[in-house]
Amino acid sequence: MLLEIMKSKIHRVKLNSLELDYVGSICIDEALLEAASILPNEKVQVLNLNTGTRFETYAIVGKRNSGIVGLNGPAARMAALGDTLIIIAYALMTPEEAKNYQPIIIFPNEENRLSE
């Protein structure tokens, strides 16, 4: 049996871009993706703290150290600029793997950047 376990989380970033005329996805600053160990095109769950909505999409790479967190395509209808989001990636693990796994959780600052 495999369990779906939280692999990584980007905790509390501000949405600063909406692009409705796009195929779909969430664009995330490359430094944040790297720090959270989320790969390009990886499926993520997006939680909107302002509205309580949750939805799934896939991650695309934004310019490194730009602080970009943007929703594209249909996902752009799920939030408003300035909303606070949590982005979670999951992995399938055996119960034994899951017992020992420690998720990667990052806490960007108010500008969606990693603190130095």
Protein backbone atom coordinates (compact mmCIF):
# COMPACT_ATOMS: atom_id res chain seq x y z
CA MET A 1 0.00 0.00 0.00
CA LEU A 2 1.15 3.55 -0.75
CA LEU A 3 0.15 6.65 1.19
CA GLU A 4 0.01 10.17 -0.20
CA ILE A 5 2.20 12.25 2.12
CA MET A 6 3.04 15.96 2.14
CA LYS A 7 6.46 16.16 0.49
CA SER A 8 6.98 19.91 0.63
CA LYS A 9 5.22 23.16 1.36
CA ILE A 10 5.69 26.81 0.50
CA HIS A 11 3.93 28.48 3.43
CA ARG A 12 2.19 31.84 2.99
CA VAL A 13 3.15 33.62 -0.20
CA LYS A 14 1.31 36.59 -1.73
CA LEU A 15 -0.26 36.21 -5.15
CA ASN A 16 1.23 38.95 -7.33
CA SER A 17 0.35 37.91 -10.88
CA LEU A 18 -2.74 36.70 -12.74
CA GLU A 19 -2.63 35.68 -16.41
CA LEU A 20 -5.99 34.41 -17.61
CA ASP A 21 -4.88 33.99 -21.25
CA TYR A 22 -2.54 31.09 -20.58
CA VAL A 23 -2.93 27.32 -20.71
CA GLY A 24 -2.79 26.98 -16.91
CA SER A 25 -0.47 26.53 -13.94
CA ILE A 26 1.13 28.39 -11.07
CA CYS A 27 4.34 30.29 -11.79
CA ILE A 28 6.68 30.29 -8.79
CA ASP A 29 10.04 31.98 -8.28
CA GLU A 30 12.73 29.43 -9.13
CA ALA A 31 14.51 29.99 -5.80
CA LEU A 32 11.33 29.06 -3.91
CA LEU A 33 10.75 25.95 -6.03
CA GLU A 34 14.32 24.86 -5.50
CA ALA A 35 14.21 25.47 -1.73
CA ALA A 36 10.95 23.52 -1.46
CA SER A 37 12.18 20.72 -3.73
CA ILE A 38 9.28 21.18 -6.16
CA LEU A 39 10.11 20.35 -9.76
CA PRO A 40 8.83 22.09 -12.90
CA ASN A 41 5.53 20.53 -14.01
CA GLU A 42 5.04 18.83 -10.64
CA LYS A 43 1.43 18.67 -9.48
CA VAL A 44 0.74 20.97 -6.54
CA GLN A 45 -2.25 21.80 -4.41
CA VAL A 46 -2.89 25.51 -3.87
CA LEU A 47 -4.70 26.66 -0.73
CA ASN A 48 -6.12 30.18 -0.68
CA LEU A 49 -6.20 31.52 2.88
CA ASN A 50 -8.43 34.43 1.86
CA THR A 51 -11.23 32.34 0.36
CA GLY A 52 -10.68 28.87 1.78
CA THR A 53 -10.53 27.31 -1.69
CA ARG A 54 -8.18 24.48 -2.63
CA PHE A 55 -7.29 23.45 -6.16
CA GLU A 56 -4.68 21.51 -8.07
CA THR A 57 -2.45 22.65 -10.89
CA TYR A 58 1.19 22.25 -11.88
CA ALA A 59 4.25 24.35 -11.10
CA ILE A 60 6.18 26.32 -13.70
CA VAL A 61 9.45 28.14 -13.12
CA GLY A 62 9.41 31.89 -12.59
CA LYS A 63 12.39 34.20 -12.68
CA ARG A 64 14.83 33.44 -9.85
CA ASN A 65 14.65 35.85 -6.88
CA SER A 66 11.80 37.80 -8.50
CA GLY A 67 9.25 36.88 -5.84
CA ILE A 68 6.79 35.90 -8.57
CA VAL A 69 3.82 33.79 -7.55
CA GLY A 70 1.27 33.88 -10.34
CA LEU A 71 -1.81 31.95 -11.33
CA ASN A 72 -2.35 31.28 -15.01
CA GLY A 73 -5.25 30.11 -17.15
CA PRO A 74 -8.33 28.80 -15.33
CA ALA A 75 -6.45 28.87 -12.00
CA ALA A 76 -6.36 32.68 -12.33
CA ARG A 77 -10.08 32.65 -11.52
CA MET A 78 -9.42 30.99 -8.14
CA ALA A 79 -7.82 33.96 -6.36
CA ALA A 80 -7.33 37.71 -6.37
CA LEU A 81 -4.10 39.69 -6.41
CA GLY A 82 -2.74 39.97 -2.89
CA ASP A 83 -4.34 36.75 -1.64
CA THR A 84 -2.18 34.63 0.66
CA LEU A 85 -1.49 31.12 -0.65
CA ILE A 86 0.00 27.91 0.64
CA ILE A 87 1.45 25.58 -2.00
CA ILE A 88 1.81 21.87 -1.20
CA ALA A 89 3.39 19.00 -3.13
CA TYR A 90 2.73 15.37 -2.20
CA ALA A 91 4.55 12.09 -2.79
CA LEU A 92 3.51 8.45 -2.68
CA MET A 93 5.34 6.52 0.03
CA THR A 94 5.12 3.20 1.75
CA PRO A 95 3.99 3.41 5.39
CA GLU A 96 7.57 2.68 6.44
CA GLU A 97 8.97 5.51 4.28
CA ALA A 98 6.27 7.87 5.53
CA LYS A 99 7.14 7.24 9.20
CA ASN A 100 10.66 8.54 8.65
CA TYR A 101 10.03 11.27 6.09
CA GLN A 102 10.39 14.91 7.12
CA PRO A 103 8.64 17.30 4.71
CA ILE A 104 10.47 20.35 3.43
CA ILE A 105 8.64 23.48 4.56
CA ILE A 106 9.80 26.96 3.59
CA PHE A 107 8.59 30.29 4.95
CA PRO A 108 9.20 33.10 2.44
CA ASN A 109 9.11 36.70 3.63
CA GLU A 110 6.49 39.34 2.73
CA GLU A 111 8.08 39.80 -0.72
CA ASN A 112 7.93 36.06 -1.49
CA ARG A 113 11.66 35.71 -1.07
CA LEU A 114 13.81 33.53 1.14
CA SER A 115 15.26 35.26 4.18
CA GLU A 116 19.02 35.40 4.23
